[in-house]
PDB file of N, CA and C in Angstrom:
ATOM      1  N   GLU A   1      23.861  41.374 -22.221  1.00  0.00           N
ATOM      2  CA  GLU A   1      23.945  39.935 -22.107  1.00  0.00           C
ATOM      3  C   GLU A   1      23.653  39.321 -23.474  1.00  0.00           C
ATOM      4  N   ALA A   2      24.511  38.447 -23.927  1.00  0.00           N
ATOM      5  CA  ALA A   2      24.340  37.787 -25.218  1.00  0.00           C
ATOM      6  C   ALA A   2      23.792  36.385 -25.010  1.00  0.00           C
ATOM      7  N   THR A   3      22.746  36.054 -25.765  1.00  0.00           N
ATOM      8  CA  THR A   3      22.133  34.727 -25.684  1.00  0.00           C
ATOM      9  C   THR A   3      21.901  34.180 -27.086  1.00  0.00           C
ATOM     10  N   ILE A   4      21.837  32.859 -27.164  1.00  0.00           N
ATOM     11  CA  ILE A   4      21.430  32.179 -28.398  1.00  0.00           C
ATOM     12  C   ILE A   4      20.340  31.192 -27.998  1.00  0.00           C
ATOM     13  N   ASP A   5      19.168  31.360 -28.561  1.00  0.00           N
ATOM     14  CA  ASP A   5      18.012  30.519 -28.234  1.00  0.00           C
ATOM     15  C   ASP A   5      17.791  30.433 -26.722  1.00  0.00           C
ATOM     16  N   GLY A   6      17.969  31.569 -26.033  1.00  0.00           N
ATOM     17  CA  GLY A   6      17.736  31.637 -24.601  1.00  0.00           C
ATOM     18  C   GLY A   6      18.890  31.167 -23.731  1.00  0.00           C
ATOM     19  N   THR A   7      19.947  30.647 -24.336  1.00  0.00           N
ATOM     20  CA  THR A   7      21.118  30.189 -23.585  1.00  0.00           C
ATOM     21  C   THR A   7      22.139  31.303 -23.479  1.00  0.00           C
ATOM     22  N   HIS A   8      22.560  31.605 -22.258  1.00  0.00           N
ATOM     23  CA  HIS A   8      23.539  32.669 -22.030  1.00  0.00           C
ATOM     24  C   HIS A   8      24.864  32.304 -22.686  1.00  0.00           C
ATOM     25  N   ILE A   9      25.389  33.227 -23.487  1.00  0.00           N
ATOM     26  CA  ILE A   9      26.647  33.006 -24.186  1.00  0.00           C
ATOM     27  C   ILE A   9      27.768  33.855 -23.589  1.00  0.00           C
ATOM     28  N   ALA A  10      27.462  35.118 -23.300  1.00  0.00           N
ATOM     29  CA  ALA A  10      28.503  36.018 -22.800  1.00  0.00           C
ATOM     30  C   ALA A  10      27.888  37.239 -22.142  1.00  0.00           C
ATOM     31  N   SER A  11      28.663  37.809 -21.232  1.00  0.00           N
ATOM     32  CA  SER A  11      28.356  39.124 -20.674  1.00  0.00           C
ATOM     33  C   SER A  11      29.364  40.084 -21.268  1.00  0.00           C
ATOM     34  N   LEU A  12      28.889  41.118 -21.901  1.00  0.00           N
ATOM     35  CA  LEU A  12      29.770  42.076 -22.566  1.00  0.00           C
ATOM     36  C   LEU A  12      29.906  43.317 -21.714  1.00  0.00           C
ATOM     37  N   GLY A  13      31.029  43.989 -21.846  1.00  0.00           N
ATOM     38  CA  GLY A  13      31.273  45.194 -21.061  1.00  0.00           C
ATOM     39  C   GLY A  13      31.847  46.307 -21.906  1.00  0.00           C
ATOM     40  N   ALA A  14      32.309  47.330 -21.234  1.00  0.00           N
ATOM     41  CA  ALA A  14      32.851  48.518 -21.892  1.00  0.00           C
ATOM     42  C   ALA A  14      33.951  48.140 -22.893  1.00  0.00           C
ATOM     43  N   GLY A  15      33.862  48.710 -24.085  1.00  0.00           N
ATOM     44  CA  GLY A  15      34.864  48.494 -25.115  1.00  0.00           C
ATOM     45  C   GLY A  15      34.692  47.234 -25.928  1.00  0.00           C
ATOM     46  N   GLN A  16      33.721  46.407 -25.584  1.00  0.00           N
ATOM     47  CA  GLN A  16      33.504  45.185 -26.343  1.00  0.00           C
ATOM     48  C   GLN A  16      32.517  45.441 -27.476  1.00  0.00           C
ATOM     49  N   PHE A  17      32.453  44.499 -28.401  1.00  0.00           N
ATOM     50  CA  PHE A  17      31.602  44.675 -29.573  1.00  0.00           C
ATOM     51  C   PHE A  17      30.841  43.399 -29.864  1.00  0.00           C
ATOM     52  N   PHE A  18      29.796  43.541 -30.673  1.00  0.00           N
ATOM     53  CA  PHE A  18      29.000  42.397 -31.087  1.00  0.00           C
ATOM     54  C   PHE A  18      28.390  42.715 -32.447  1.00  0.00           C
ATOM     55  N   GLY A  19      27.956  41.673 -33.140  1.00  0.00           N
ATOM     56  CA  GLY A  19      27.338  41.847 -34.453  1.00  0.00           C
ATOM     57  C   GLY A  19      28.320  41.924 -35.598  1.00  0.00           C
ATOM     58  N   GLU A  20      29.610  41.823 -35.286  1.00  0.00           N
ATOM     59  CA  GLU A  20      30.627  41.980 -36.322  1.00  0.00           C
ATOM     60  C   GLU A  20      30.620  40.844 -37.338  1.00  0.00           C
ATOM     61  N   LEU A  21      30.285  39.631 -36.908  1.00  0.00           N
ATOM     62  CA  LEU A  21      30.290  38.504 -37.831  1.00  0.00           C
ATOM     63  C   LEU A  21      29.282  38.709 -38.956  1.00  0.00           C
ATOM     64  N   ALA A  22      28.103  39.164 -38.611  1.00  0.00           N
ATOM     65  CA  ALA A  22      27.076  39.429 -39.626  1.00  0.00           C
ATOM     66  C   ALA A  22      27.515  40.535 -40.579  1.00  0.00           C
ATOM     67  N   LEU A  23      28.266  41.499 -40.066  1.00  0.00           N
ATOM     68  CA  LEU A  23      28.755  42.567 -40.934  1.00  0.00           C
ATOM     69  C   LEU A  23      29.905  42.087 -41.809  1.00  0.00           C
ATOM     70  N   LEU A  24      30.724  41.176 -41.290  1.00  0.00           N
ATOM     71  CA  LEU A  24      31.851  40.658 -42.073  1.00  0.00           C
ATOM     72  C   LEU A  24      31.398  39.762 -43.217  1.00  0.00           C
ATOM     73  N   ASP A  25      30.481  38.837 -42.935  1.00  0.00           N
ATOM     74  CA  ASP A  25      30.101  37.885 -43.992  1.00  0.00           C
ATOM     75  C   ASP A  25      28.704  38.116 -44.564  1.00  0.00           C
ATOM     76  N   ARG A  26      28.038  39.182 -44.082  1.00  0.00           N
ATOM     77  CA  ARG A  26      26.696  39.554 -44.544  1.00  0.00           C
ATOM     78  C   ARG A  26      25.677  38.448 -44.304  1.00  0.00           C
ATOM     79  N   GLY A  27      25.980  37.578 -43.340  1.00  0.00           N
ATOM     80  CA  GLY A  27      25.073  36.502 -42.978  1.00  0.00           C
ATOM     81  C   GLY A  27      24.116  36.948 -41.879  1.00  0.00           C
ATOM     82  N   PRO A  28      23.248  36.045 -41.473  1.00  0.00           N
ATOM     83  CA  PRO A  28      22.281  36.396 -40.423  1.00  0.00           C
ATOM     84  C   PRO A  28      22.954  36.516 -39.059  1.00  0.00           C
ATOM     85  N   ARG A  29      22.361  37.299 -38.205  1.00  0.00           N
ATOM     86  CA  ARG A  29      22.830  37.393 -36.824  1.00  0.00           C
ATOM     87  C   ARG A  29      22.387  36.133 -36.101  1.00  0.00           C
ATOM     88  N   VAL A  30      23.215  35.642 -35.200  1.00  0.00           N
ATOM     89  CA  VAL A  30      22.900  34.380 -34.526  1.00  0.00           C
ATOM     90  C   VAL A  30      22.607  34.559 -33.044  1.00  0.00           C
ATOM     91  N   ALA A  31      22.966  35.692 -32.467  1.00  0.00           N
ATOM     92  CA  ALA A  31      22.756  35.910 -31.038  1.00  0.00           C
ATOM     93  C   ALA A  31      21.825  37.100 -30.817  1.00  0.00           C
ATOM     94  N   THR A  32      21.265  37.129 -29.625  1.00  0.00           N
ATOM     95  CA  THR A  32      20.469  38.265 -29.178  1.00  0.00           C
ATOM     96  C   THR A  32      21.253  38.945 -28.065  1.00  0.00           C
ATOM     97  N   VAL A  33      21.390  40.265 -28.161  1.00  0.00           N
ATOM     98  CA  VAL A  33      22.105  41.019 -27.134  1.00  0.00           C
ATOM     99  C   VAL A  33      21.133  42.008 -26.506  1.00  0.00           C
ATOM    100  N   VAL A  34      21.026  41.946 -25.178  1.00  0.00           N
ATOM    101  CA  VAL A  34      20.122  42.806 -24.429  1.00  0.00           C
ATOM    102  C   VAL A  34      20.927  43.553 -23.374  1.00  0.00           C
ATOM    103  N   ALA A  35      20.709  44.856 -23.291  1.00  0.00           N
ATOM    104  CA  ALA A  35      21.414  45.674 -22.300  1.00  0.00           C
ATOM    105  C   ALA A  35      20.883  45.378 -20.903  1.00  0.00           C
ATOM    106  N   SER A  36      21.799  45.202 -19.954  1.00  0.00           N
ATOM    107  CA  SER A  36      21.404  45.001 -18.560  1.00  0.00           C
ATOM    108  C   SER A  36      21.684  46.248 -17.721  1.00  0.00           C
ATOM    109  N   SER A  37      22.177  47.296 -18.385  1.00  0.00           N
ATOM    110  CA  SER A  37      22.412  48.588 -17.728  1.00  0.00           C
ATOM    111  C   SER A  37      22.395  49.664 -18.807  1.00  0.00           C
ATOM    112  N   SER A  38      22.447  50.910 -18.382  1.00  0.00           N
ATOM    113  CA  SER A  38      22.507  52.013 -19.352  1.00  0.00           C
ATOM    114  C   SER A  38      23.847  51.962 -20.074  1.00  0.00           C
ATOM    115  N   MET A  39      23.839  52.325 -21.343  1.00  0.00           N
ATOM    116  CA  MET A  39      25.082  52.302 -22.109  1.00  0.00           C
ATOM    117  C   MET A  39      24.973  53.206 -23.324  1.00  0.00           C
ATOM    118  N   LEU A  40      26.116  53.497 -23.882  1.00  0.00           N
ATOM    119  CA  LEU A  40      26.219  54.275 -25.102  1.00  0.00           C
ATOM    120  C   LEU A  40      26.797  53.345 -26.159  1.00  0.00           C
ATOM    121  N   LEU A  41      26.111  53.238 -27.293  1.00  0.00           N
ATOM    122  CA  LEU A  41      26.533  52.333 -28.363  1.00  0.00           C
ATOM    123  C   LEU A  41      26.871  53.091 -29.626  1.00  0.00           C
ATOM    124  N   LEU A  42      27.785  52.546 -30.385  1.00  0.00           N
ATOM    125  CA  LEU A  42      28.075  53.034 -31.720  1.00  0.00           C
ATOM    126  C   LEU A  42      27.475  52.017 -32.685  1.00  0.00           C
ATOM    127  N   VAL A  43      26.507  52.442 -33.475  1.00  0.00           N
ATOM    128  CA  VAL A  43      25.841  51.557 -34.429  1.00  0.00           C
ATOM    129  C   VAL A  43      26.348  51.906 -35.824  1.00  0.00           C
ATOM    130  N   LEU A  44      26.822  50.885 -36.539  1.00  0.00           N
ATOM    131  CA  LEU A  44      27.390  51.101 -37.871  1.00  0.00           C
ATOM    132  C   LEU A  44      26.611  50.339 -38.930  1.00  0.00           C
ATOM    133  N   SER A  45      26.443  50.947 -40.084  1.00  0.00           N
ATOM    134  CA  SER A  45      25.891  50.240 -41.238  1.00  0.00           C
ATOM    135  C   SER A  45      26.999  49.358 -41.814  1.00  0.00           C
ATOM    136  N   GLY A  46      26.639  48.466 -42.711  1.00  0.00           N
ATOM    137  CA  GLY A  46      27.640  47.634 -43.371  1.00  0.00           C
ATOM    138  C   GLY A  46      28.704  48.471 -44.068  1.00  0.00           C
ATOM    139  N   ARG A  47      28.286  49.508 -44.715  1.00  0.00           N
ATOM    140  CA  ARG A  47      29.230  50.384 -45.432  1.00  0.00           C
ATOM    141  C   ARG A  47      30.168  51.106 -44.459  1.00  0.00           C
ATOM    142  N   GLU A  48      29.610  51.617 -43.365  1.00  0.00           N
ATOM    143  CA  GLU A  48      30.430  52.302 -42.363  1.00  0.00           C
ATOM    144  C   GLU A  48      31.422  51.334 -41.714  1.00  0.00           C
ATOM    145  N   PHE A  49      30.962  50.111 -41.468  1.00  0.00           N
ATOM    146  CA  PHE A  49      31.820  49.094 -40.888  1.00  0.00           C
ATOM    147  C   PHE A  49      32.982  48.773 -41.834  1.00  0.00           C
ATOM    148  N   ASP A  50      32.684  48.575 -43.104  1.00  0.00           N
ATOM    149  CA  ASP A  50      33.729  48.299 -44.096  1.00  0.00           C
ATOM    150  C   ASP A  50      34.759  49.417 -44.133  1.00  0.00           C
ATOM    151  N   GLU A  51      34.300  50.657 -44.096  1.00  0.00           N
ATOM    152  CA  GLU A  51      35.202  51.806 -44.095  1.00  0.00           C
ATOM    153  C   GLU A  51      36.070  51.804 -42.837  1.00  0.00           C
ATOM    154  N   LEU A  52      35.466  51.518 -41.710  1.00  0.00           N
ATOM    155  CA  LEU A  52      36.189  51.535 -40.443  1.00  0.00           C
ATOM    156  C   LEU A  52      37.303  50.503 -40.422  1.00  0.00           C
ATOM    157  N   ILE A  53      37.009  49.270 -40.798  1.00  0.00           N
ATOM    158  CA  ILE A  53      38.035  48.225 -40.712  1.00  0.00           C
ATOM    159  C   ILE A  53      38.970  48.219 -41.910  1.00  0.00           C
ATOM    160  N   GLY A  54      38.518  48.770 -43.036  1.00  0.00           N
ATOM    161  CA  GLY A  54      39.329  48.735 -44.239  1.00  0.00           C
ATOM    162  C   GLY A  54      40.315  49.869 -44.382  1.00  0.00           C
ATOM    163  N   LYS A  55      39.914  51.072 -43.995  1.00  0.00           N
ATOM    164  CA  LYS A  55      40.752  52.238 -44.273  1.00  0.00           C
ATOM    165  C   LYS A  55      40.957  53.136 -43.069  1.00  0.00           C
ATOM    166  N   ALA A  56      39.888  53.428 -42.378  1.00  0.00           N
ATOM    167  CA  ALA A  56      39.932  54.489 -41.376  1.00  0.00           C
ATOM    168  C   ALA A  56      40.838  54.155 -40.191  1.00  0.00           C
ATOM    169  N   ILE A  57      40.632  53.002 -39.571  1.00  0.00           N
ATOM    170  CA  ILE A  57      41.382  52.671 -38.361  1.00  0.00           C
ATOM    171  C   ILE A  57      41.794  51.192 -38.430  1.00  0.00           C
ATOM    172  N   PRO A  58      42.929  50.889 -39.059  1.00  0.00           N
ATOM    173  CA  PRO A  58      43.348  49.489 -39.196  1.00  0.00           C
ATOM    174  C   PRO A  58      43.511  48.757 -37.868  1.00  0.00           C
ATOM    175  N   SER A  59      43.809  49.466 -36.775  1.00  0.00           N
ATOM    176  CA  SER A  59      43.970  48.792 -35.482  1.00  0.00           C
ATOM    177  C   SER A  59      42.661  48.145 -35.031  1.00  0.00           C
ATOM    178  N   VAL A  60      41.533  48.666 -35.498  1.00  0.00           N
ATOM    179  CA  VAL A  60      40.238  48.058 -35.171  1.00  0.00           C
ATOM    180  C   VAL A  60      40.168  46.664 -35.791  1.00  0.00           C
ATOM    181  N   SER A  61      40.655  46.525 -37.017  1.00  0.00           N
ATOM    182  CA  SER A  61      40.652  45.222 -37.691  1.00  0.00           C
ATOM    183  C   SER A  61      41.490  44.216 -36.909  1.00  0.00           C
ATOM    184  N   ARG A  62      42.643  44.637 -36.477  1.00  0.00           N
ATOM    185  CA  ARG A  62      43.536  43.738 -35.723  1.00  0.00           C
ATOM    186  C   ARG A  62      42.876  43.293 -34.424  1.00  0.00           C
ATOM    187  N   ARG A  63      42.301  44.234 -33.690  1.00  0.00           N
ATOM    188  CA  ARG A  63      41.646  43.886 -32.419  1.00  0.00           C
ATOM    189  C   ARG A  63      40.476  42.941 -32.669  1.00  0.00           C
ATOM    190  N   MET A  64      39.717  43.216 -33.715  1.00  0.00           N
ATOM    191  CA  MET A  64      38.570  42.374 -34.024  1.00  0.00           C
ATOM    192  C   MET A  64      39.025  40.953 -34.368  1.00  0.00           C
ATOM    193  N   LEU A  65      40.075  40.820 -35.141  1.00  0.00           N
ATOM    194  CA  LEU A  65      40.598  39.492 -35.474  1.00  0.00           C
ATOM    195  C   LEU A  65      41.057  38.752 -34.225  1.00  0.00           C
ATOM    196  N   MET A  66      41.685  39.456 -33.306  1.00  0.00           N
ATOM    197  CA  MET A  66      42.134  38.833 -32.065  1.00  0.00           C
ATOM    198  C   MET A  66      40.940  38.325 -31.251  1.00  0.00           C
ATOM    199  N   VAL A  67      39.899  39.131 -31.161  1.00  0.00           N
ATOM    200  CA  VAL A  67      38.707  38.733 -30.403  1.00  0.00           C
ATOM    201  C   VAL A  67      38.000  37.565 -31.096  1.00  0.00           C
ATOM    202  N   LEU A  68      37.883  37.616 -32.408  1.00  0.00           N
ATOM    203  CA  LEU A  68      37.243  36.520 -33.137  1.00  0.00           C
ATOM    204  C   LEU A  68      38.038  35.232 -32.983  1.00  0.00           C
ATOM    205  N   GLY A  69      39.365  35.332 -32.998  1.00  0.00           N
ATOM    206  CA  GLY A  69      40.214  34.155 -32.776  1.00  0.00           C
ATOM    207  C   GLY A  69      39.989  33.563 -31.398  1.00  0.00           C
ATOM    208  N   ARG A  70      39.901  34.417 -30.382  1.00  0.00           N
ATOM    209  CA  ARG A  70      39.656  33.947 -29.018  1.00  0.00           C
ATOM    210  C   ARG A  70      38.290  33.273 -28.923  1.00  0.00           C
ATOM    211  N   ARG A  71      37.284  33.879 -29.549  1.00  0.00           N
ATOM    212  CA  ARG A  71      35.944  33.283 -29.521  1.00  0.00           C
ATOM    213  C   ARG A  71      35.925  31.926 -30.207  1.00  0.00           C
ATOM    214  N   LEU A  72      36.656  31.797 -31.310  1.00  0.00           N
ATOM    215  CA  LEU A  72      36.722  30.520 -32.018  1.00  0.00           C
ATOM    216  C   LEU A  72      37.395  29.464 -31.154  1.00  0.00           C
ATOM    217  N   ARG A  73      38.475  29.832 -30.481  1.00  0.00           N
ATOM    218  CA  ARG A  73      39.148  28.877 -29.595  1.00  0.00           C
ATOM    219  C   ARG A  73      38.230  28.438 -28.452  1.00  0.00           C
ATOM    220  N   GLU A  74      37.484  29.372 -27.882  1.00  0.00           N
ATOM    221  CA  GLU A  74      36.552  29.033 -26.800  1.00  0.00           C
ATOM    222  C   GLU A  74      35.459  28.091 -27.297  1.00  0.00           C
ATOM    223  N   ALA A  75      34.925  28.368 -28.490  1.00  0.00           N
ATOM    224  CA  ALA A  75      33.898  27.493 -29.068  1.00  0.00           C
ATOM    225  C   ALA A  75      34.478  26.108 -29.343  1.00  0.00           C
ATOM    226  N   ASP A  76      35.720  26.067 -29.804  1.00  0.00           N
ATOM    227  CA  ASP A  76      36.391  24.808 -30.089  1.00  0.00           C
ATOM    228  C   ASP A  76      36.565  23.987 -28.810  1.00  0.00           C
ATOM    229  N   GLU A  77      36.940  24.643 -27.732  1.00  0.00           N
ATOM    230  CA  GLU A  77      37.090  23.959 -26.444  1.00  0.00           C
ATOM    231  C   GLU A  77      35.743  23.396 -25.973  1.00  0.00           C
ATOM    232  N   GLN A  78      34.680  24.159 -26.157  1.00  0.00           N
ATOM    233  CA  GLN A  78      33.361  23.682 -25.749  1.00  0.00           C
ATOM    234  C   GLN A  78      32.957  22.448 -26.559  1.00  0.00           C
ATOM    235  N   LEU A  79      33.267  22.449 -27.855  1.00  0.00           N
ATOM    236  CA  LEU A  79      32.968  21.279 -28.686  1.00  0.00           C
ATOM    237  C   LEU A  79      33.780  20.076 -28.222  1.00  0.00           C
ATOM    238  N   ALA A  80      35.044  20.291 -27.954  1.00  0.00           N
ATOM    239  CA  ALA A  80      35.912  19.197 -27.514  1.00  0.00           C
ATOM    240  C   ALA A  80      35.415  18.619 -26.189  1.00  0.00           C
ATOM    241  N   ASP A  81      34.961  19.493 -25.286  1.00  0.00           N
ATOM    242  CA  ASP A  81      34.444  19.038 -23.996  1.00  0.00           C
ATOM    243  C   ASP A  81      33.205  18.167 -24.170  1.00  0.00           C
ATOM    244  N   ARG A  82      32.485  18.362 -25.267  1.00  0.00           N
ATOM    245  CA  ARG A  82      31.277  17.575 -25.542  1.00  0.00           C
ATOM    246  C   ARG A  82      31.556  16.354 -26.406  1.00  0.00           C
ATOM    247  N   GLY A  83      32.828  16.162 -26.769  1.00  0.00           N
ATOM    248  CA  GLY A  83      33.212  15.022 -27.593  1.00  0.00           C
ATOM    249  C   GLY A  83      33.021  15.234 -29.081  1.00  0.00           C
ATOM    250  N   SER A  84      32.750  16.463 -29.501  1.00  0.00           N
ATOM    251  CA  SER A  84      32.564  16.777 -30.924  1.00  0.00           C
ATOM    252  C   SER A  84      33.911  17.077 -31.572  1.00  0.00           C
ATOM    253  N   PRO A  85      34.005  16.937 -32.887  1.00  0.00           N
ATOM    254  CA  PRO A  85      35.254  17.270 -33.577  1.00  0.00           C
ATOM    255  C   PRO A  85      35.616  18.744 -33.384  1.00  0.00           C
ATOM    256  N   ARG A  86      36.904  19.016 -33.298  1.00  0.00           N
ATOM    257  CA  ARG A  86      37.395  20.373 -33.106  1.00  0.00           C
ATOM    258  C   ARG A  86      37.316  21.153 -34.409  1.00  0.00           C
ATOM    259  N   LEU A  87      37.146  22.476 -34.293  1.00  0.00           N
ATOM    260  CA  LEU A  87      37.074  23.366 -35.454  1.00  0.00           C
ATOM    261  C   LEU A  87      38.452  23.868 -35.880  1.00  0.00           C
ATOM    262  N   THR A  88      39.354  24.076 -34.930  1.00  0.00           N
ATOM    263  CA  THR A  88      40.609  24.771 -35.229  1.00  0.00           C
ATOM    264  C   THR A  88      41.620  23.905 -35.959  1.00  0.00           C
ATOM    265  N   GLY A  89      41.302  22.659 -36.213  1.00  0.00           N
ATOM    266  CA  GLY A  89      42.202  21.808 -36.965  1.00  0.00           C
ATOM    267  C   GLY A  89      42.049  21.971 -38.462  1.00  0.00           C
ATOM    268  N   LEU A  90      41.157  22.845 -38.902  1.00  0.00           N
ATOM    269  CA  LEU A  90      40.907  23.025 -40.337  1.00  0.00           C
ATOM    270  C   LEU A  90      42.069  23.665 -41.031  1.00  0.00           C
TER     271      LEU A  90
END
């Protein structure tokens, strides 16, 4: 379960990923993710992540971009619902 300041953001499942934004821009992590069941995780260092998306498996980069795009659109819709300016018009 992913939360930000105690607010539920998403429920993640098999094949999904998290923490990629911090690895992409080397910025701070913004969400807390807590397992609600047993699971197997692949944990990557920044260097391993760069290798994975840059050279080893380009399809991972494409999938990640698609997921990040979807997340941005969802965040944009939430802002619009609150009367805030949209992000995707940039």
